[in-house]
C-alpha atoms as a PDB file:
ATOM      1  CA  UNK A   1      -5.495  21.313 -12.716  1.00  0.00           C
ATOM      2  CA  UNK A   2      -2.324  22.893 -14.540  1.00  0.00           C
ATOM      3  CA  UNK A   3      -0.060  23.378 -10.691  1.00  0.00           C
ATOM      4  CA  UNK A   4      -2.125  20.284  -9.425  1.00  0.00           C
ATOM      5  CA  UNK A   5       0.086  18.039  -7.346  1.00  0.00           C
ATOM      6  CA  UNK A   6      -0.465  14.525  -6.134  1.00  0.00           C
ATOM      7  CA  UNK A   7       1.423  14.756  -2.553  1.00  0.00           C
ATOM      8  CA  UNK A   8      -1.511  15.635  -0.552  1.00  0.00           C
ATOM      9  CA  UNK A   9      -3.855  13.362  -2.454  1.00  0.00           C
ATOM     10  CA  UNK A  10      -1.203  10.611  -1.977  1.00  0.00           C
ATOM     11  CA  UNK A  11      -0.612  11.030   1.498  1.00  0.00           C
ATOM     12  CA  UNK A  12      -4.199  11.030   2.295  1.00  0.00           C
ATOM     13  CA  UNK A  13      -5.398   8.101   0.761  1.00  0.00           C
ATOM     14  CA  UNK A  14      -2.473   6.395   2.556  1.00  0.00           C
ATOM     15  CA  UNK A  15      -3.271   7.219   5.878  1.00  0.00           C
ATOM     16  CA  UNK A  16      -7.509   6.571   5.251  1.00  0.00           C
ATOM     17  CA  UNK A  17      -5.970   3.058   4.338  1.00  0.00           C
ATOM     18  CA  UNK A  18      -3.786   2.247   7.165  1.00  0.00           C
ATOM     19  CA  UNK A  19      -6.284   3.764   9.323  1.00  0.00           C
ATOM     20  CA  UNK A  20      -8.807   1.114   7.885  1.00  0.00           C
ATOM     21  CA  UNK A  21      -6.535  -1.686   8.324  1.00  0.00           C
ATOM     22  CA  UNK A  22      -5.299  -0.704  11.460  1.00  0.00           C
ATOM     23  CA  UNK A  23      -9.239  -0.446  12.656  1.00  0.00           C
ATOM     24  CA  UNK A  24      -9.661  -4.145  11.829  1.00  0.00           C
ATOM     25  CA  UNK A  25      -6.410  -5.349  13.658  1.00  0.00           C
ATOM     26  CA  UNK A  26      -5.473  -7.330  10.655  1.00  0.00           C
ATOM     27  CA  UNK A  27      -2.730  -9.106  12.210  1.00  0.00           C
ATOM     28  CA  UNK A  28      -3.949  -8.616  15.773  1.00  0.00           C
ATOM     29  CA  UNK A  29      -5.572 -11.984  16.822  1.00  0.00           C
ATOM     30  CA  UNK A  30      -2.080 -13.568  15.467  1.00  0.00           C
ATOM     31  CA  UNK A  31       0.515 -11.026  16.747  1.00  0.00           C
ATOM     32  CA  UNK A  32       1.650  -9.699  13.572  1.00  0.00           C
ATOM     33  CA  UNK A  33       2.341  -6.048  12.572  1.00  0.00           C
ATOM     34  CA  UNK A  34       0.502  -4.975   9.567  1.00  0.00           C
ATOM     35  CA  UNK A  35       4.477  -4.995   7.534  1.00  0.00           C
ATOM     36  CA  UNK A  36       4.724  -8.384   8.831  1.00  0.00           C
ATOM     37  CA  UNK A  37       1.318  -9.363   7.524  1.00  0.00           C
ATOM     38  CA  UNK A  38       1.645  -7.793   4.286  1.00  0.00           C
ATOM     39  CA  UNK A  39       5.058  -9.623   3.608  1.00  0.00           C
ATOM     40  CA  UNK A  40       3.850 -13.004   5.107  1.00  0.00           C
ATOM     41  CA  UNK A  41       1.121 -12.361   2.172  1.00  0.00           C
ATOM     42  CA  UNK A  42       4.116 -11.415  -0.248  1.00  0.00           C
ATOM     43  CA  UNK A  43       5.817 -14.493   0.055  1.00  0.00           C
ATOM     44  CA  UNK A  44       2.836 -16.572  -0.041  1.00  0.00           C
ATOM     45  CA  UNK A  45       1.579 -15.031  -3.342  1.00  0.00           C
ATOM     46  CA  UNK A  46       4.672 -16.240  -4.756  1.00  0.00           C
ATOM     47  CA  UNK A  47       4.508 -20.098  -4.138  1.00  0.00           C
ATOM     48  CA  UNK A  48       7.210 -22.007  -5.615  1.00  0.00           C
ATOM     49  CA  UNK A  49       9.161 -19.212  -6.552  1.00  0.00           C
ATOM     50  CA  UNK A  50      12.418 -18.785  -4.292  1.00  0.00           C
ATOM     51  CA  UNK A  51      12.100 -15.247  -2.296  1.00  0.00           C
ATOM     52  CA  UNK A  52      15.144 -13.494  -1.067  1.00  0.00           C
ATOM     53  CA  UNK A  53      15.378  -9.893   1.277  1.00  0.00           C
ATOM     54  CA  UNK A  54      16.353  -7.930  -1.957  1.00  0.00           C
ATOM     55  CA  UNK A  55      13.047  -8.947  -3.462  1.00  0.00           C
ATOM     56  CA  UNK A  56      11.117  -7.812  -0.334  1.00  0.00           C
ATOM     57  CA  UNK A  57      13.139  -5.009  -0.412  1.00  0.00           C
ATOM     58  CA  UNK A  58      11.890  -3.915  -3.915  1.00  0.00           C
ATOM     59  CA  UNK A  59       8.544  -4.991  -3.466  1.00  0.00           C
ATOM     60  CA  UNK A  60       7.752  -3.014  -0.697  1.00  0.00           C
ATOM     61  CA  UNK A  61      10.506  -0.017  -1.718  1.00  0.00           C
ATOM     62  CA  UNK A  62      11.934  -0.564   1.872  1.00  0.00           C
ATOM     63  CA  UNK A  63      15.679  -0.306   2.667  1.00  0.00           C
ATOM     64  CA  UNK A  64      17.952  -2.857   3.358  1.00  0.00           C
ATOM     65  CA  UNK A  65      18.225  -2.223   6.922  1.00  0.00           C
ATOM     66  CA  UNK A  66      14.283  -2.167   7.374  1.00  0.00           C
ATOM     67  CA  UNK A  67      13.731  -5.451   5.411  1.00  0.00           C
ATOM     68  CA  UNK A  68      16.621  -6.935   7.906  1.00  0.00           C
ATOM     69  CA  UNK A  69      14.756  -5.576  11.197  1.00  0.00           C
ATOM     70  CA  UNK A  70      11.354  -7.141   9.989  1.00  0.00           C
ATOM     71  CA  UNK A  71      12.658 -10.308   8.896  1.00  0.00           C
ATOM     72  CA  UNK A  72      14.572 -10.437  12.358  1.00  0.00           C
ATOM     73  CA  UNK A  73      11.519  -9.528  13.942  1.00  0.00           C
ATOM     74  CA  UNK A  74       9.625 -12.556  12.218  1.00  0.00           C
ATOM     75  CA  UNK A  75      12.111 -14.645  12.728  1.00  0.00           C
ATOM     76  CA  UNK A  76      12.290 -14.223  16.020  1.00  0.00           C
ATOM     77  CA  UNK A  77       8.829 -14.550  16.070  1.00  0.00           C
ATOM     78  CA  UNK A  78       9.189 -18.306  14.456  1.00  0.00           C
ATOM     79  CA  UNK A  79       7.097 -16.721  10.935  1.00  0.00           C
ATOM     80  CA  UNK A  80       9.849 -17.445   8.487  1.00  0.00           C
ATOM     81  CA  UNK A  81      13.191 -19.502   8.032  1.00  0.00           C
ATOM     82  CA  UNK A  82      16.043 -18.297   5.907  1.00  0.00           C
ATOM     83  CA  UNK A  83      17.724 -21.393   4.170  1.00  0.00           C
ATOM     84  CA  UNK A  84      20.870 -20.901   2.194  1.00  0.00           C
ATOM     85  CA  UNK A  85      21.195 -21.576  -1.280  1.00  0.00           C
ATOM     86  CA  UNK A  86      22.460 -24.652  -2.053  1.00  0.00           C
ATOM     87  CA  UNK A  87      24.748 -22.952  -4.949  1.00  0.00           C
ATOM     88  CA  UNK A  88      25.417 -19.717  -3.683  1.00  0.00           C
ATOM     89  CA  UNK A  89      25.427 -19.837   0.418  1.00  0.00           C
ATOM     90  CA  UNK A  90      25.449 -15.966   0.855  1.00  0.00           C
ATOM     91  CA  UNK A  91      21.884 -15.917  -0.665  1.00  0.00           C
ATOM     92  CA  UNK A  92      19.318 -17.192   1.805  1.00  0.00           C
ATOM     93  CA  UNK A  93      15.918 -18.399   0.623  1.00  0.00           C
ATOM     94  CA  UNK A  94      12.842 -16.872   2.740  1.00  0.00           C
ATOM     95  CA  UNK A  95       9.970 -19.137   3.789  1.00  0.00           C
ATOM     96  CA  UNK A  96       7.348 -19.349   5.986  1.00  0.00           C
ATOM     97  CA  UNK A  97       7.276 -21.686   8.843  1.00  0.00           C
ATOM     98  CA  UNK A  98       4.067 -23.868   9.384  1.00  0.00           C
ATOM     99  CA  UNK A  99       3.116 -21.444  12.006  1.00  0.00           C
ATOM    100  CA  UNK A 100       2.991 -18.689   9.617  1.00  0.00           C
ATOM    101  CA  UNK A 101       0.844 -20.628   6.722  1.00  0.00           C
ATOM    102  CA  UNK A 102      -2.175 -21.529   9.078  1.00  0.00           C
ATOM    103  CA  UNK A 103      -1.504 -17.511  10.436  1.00  0.00           C
ATOM    104  CA  UNK A 104      -2.044 -16.090   6.969  1.00  0.00           C
ATOM    105  CA  UNK A 105      -4.609 -17.565   5.547  1.00  0.00           C
ATOM    106  CA  UNK A 106      -7.104 -15.740   8.006  1.00  0.00           C
ATOM    107  CA  UNK A 107      -5.074 -13.323   7.350  1.00  0.00           C
ATOM    108  CA  UNK A 108      -4.552 -12.976   3.505  1.00  0.00           C
ATOM    109  CA  UNK A 109      -8.710 -13.213   3.549  1.00  0.00           C
ATOM    110  CA  UNK A 110      -8.707  -9.760   5.834  1.00  0.00           C
ATOM    111  CA  UNK A 111      -6.274  -7.761   3.586  1.00  0.00           C
ATOM    112  CA  UNK A 112      -8.445  -9.221   0.490  1.00  0.00           C
ATOM    113  CA  UNK A 113     -12.167  -8.082   1.825  1.00  0.00           C
ATOM    114  CA  UNK A 114     -10.490  -4.797   2.793  1.00  0.00           C
ATOM    115  CA  UNK A 115      -8.474  -4.569  -0.954  1.00  0.00           C
ATOM    116  CA  UNK A 116     -12.105  -5.490  -2.505  1.00  0.00           C
ATOM    117  CA  UNK A 117     -13.861  -2.669  -0.282  1.00  0.00           C
ATOM    118  CA  UNK A 118     -11.586   0.000  -1.000  1.00  0.00           C
ATOM    119  CA  UNK A 119     -11.669  -0.668  -5.100  1.00  0.00           C
ATOM    120  CA  UNK A 120     -15.804  -0.353  -4.771  1.00  0.00           C
ATOM    121  CA  UNK A 121     -17.028   1.405  -7.845  1.00  0.00           C
ATOM    122  CA  UNK A 122     -13.704   1.825  -9.553  1.00  0.00           C
ATOM    123  CA  UNK A 123     -13.760   0.127 -13.070  1.00  0.00           C
ATOM    124  CA  UNK A 124     -10.683  -2.037 -14.387  1.00  0.00           C
ATOM    125  CA  UNK A 125      -9.875   0.708 -16.674  1.00  0.00           C
ATOM    126  CA  UNK A 126      -8.991   3.205 -13.515  1.00  0.00           C
ATOM    127  CA  UNK A 127      -7.304   0.407 -11.380  1.00  0.00           C
ATOM    128  CA  UNK A 128      -4.803   0.179 -14.866  1.00  0.00           C
ATOM    129  CA  UNK A 129      -4.578   3.806 -14.899  1.00  0.00           C
ATOM    130  CA  UNK A 130      -3.903   4.021 -11.092  1.00  0.00           C
ATOM    131  CA  UNK A 131      -1.427   1.351 -11.095  1.00  0.00           C
ATOM    132  CA  UNK A 132       0.901   3.363 -14.266  1.00  0.00           C
ATOM    133  CA  UNK A 133       0.682   6.479 -12.483  1.00  0.00           C
ATOM    134  CA  UNK A 134       1.478   5.093  -9.333  1.00  0.00           C
ATOM    135  CA  UNK A 135       4.364   3.031 -10.640  1.00  0.00           C
ATOM    136  CA  UNK A 136       5.896   6.459 -12.410  1.00  0.00           C
ATOM    137  CA  UNK A 137       5.567   8.465  -9.252  1.00  0.00           C
ATOM    138  CA  UNK A 138       7.609   6.378  -7.547  1.00  0.00           C
ATOM    139  CA  UNK A 139      10.419   5.809 -10.281  1.00  0.00           C
ATOM    140  CA  UNK A 140      10.015   9.804 -10.676  1.00  0.00           C
ATOM    141  CA  UNK A 141      10.589  10.125  -6.921  1.00  0.00           C
ATOM    142  CA  UNK A 142      13.546   7.731  -6.640  1.00  0.00           C
ATOM    143  CA  UNK A 143      14.995   8.853  -9.502  1.00  0.00           C
ATOM    144  CA  UNK A 144      15.142  12.451  -7.996  1.00  0.00           C
ATOM    145  CA  UNK A 145      15.613  10.881  -4.387  1.00  0.00           C
ATOM    146  CA  UNK A 146      19.573  12.301  -4.312  1.00  0.00           C
ATOM    147  CA  UNK A 147      18.818  16.053  -5.157  1.00  0.00           C
ATOM    148  CA  UNK A 148      19.669  17.823  -2.141  1.00  0.00           C
ATOM    149  CA  UNK A 149      18.217  20.743  -3.782  1.00  0.00           C
ATOM    150  CA  UNK A 150      14.721  22.039  -3.575  1.00  0.00           C
END
């Protein structure tokens, strides 16, 4: 495996996971996209901790413009609200609405079931290794992202 390139395997796994999520129509009963479901899950998982747009950008490795579009659509669907911080009005804390909280529980249950299925037969040590390798690949991609030469 001296000349092994992980790109094809990562892309293939990503497509298979996306198809699995789409086949179960995770957000369909609620009219949610998979990205909106993941953002809602992230906000819920952070509980009492303040979540800002920059946190979502970092967590999902998305550009500011993409995060803005996603959050605007979620605001339009009455899933989130943005509240100015008391000490800095430029910062807007993102909170789930009651409507989103009701939908999130069902969506998170479905996501958890899929993630358990995807991890079947994989040891905790293998999961740690996978996480570590994926983080390094992401960092390498980000570090070399500005190179125009191939």
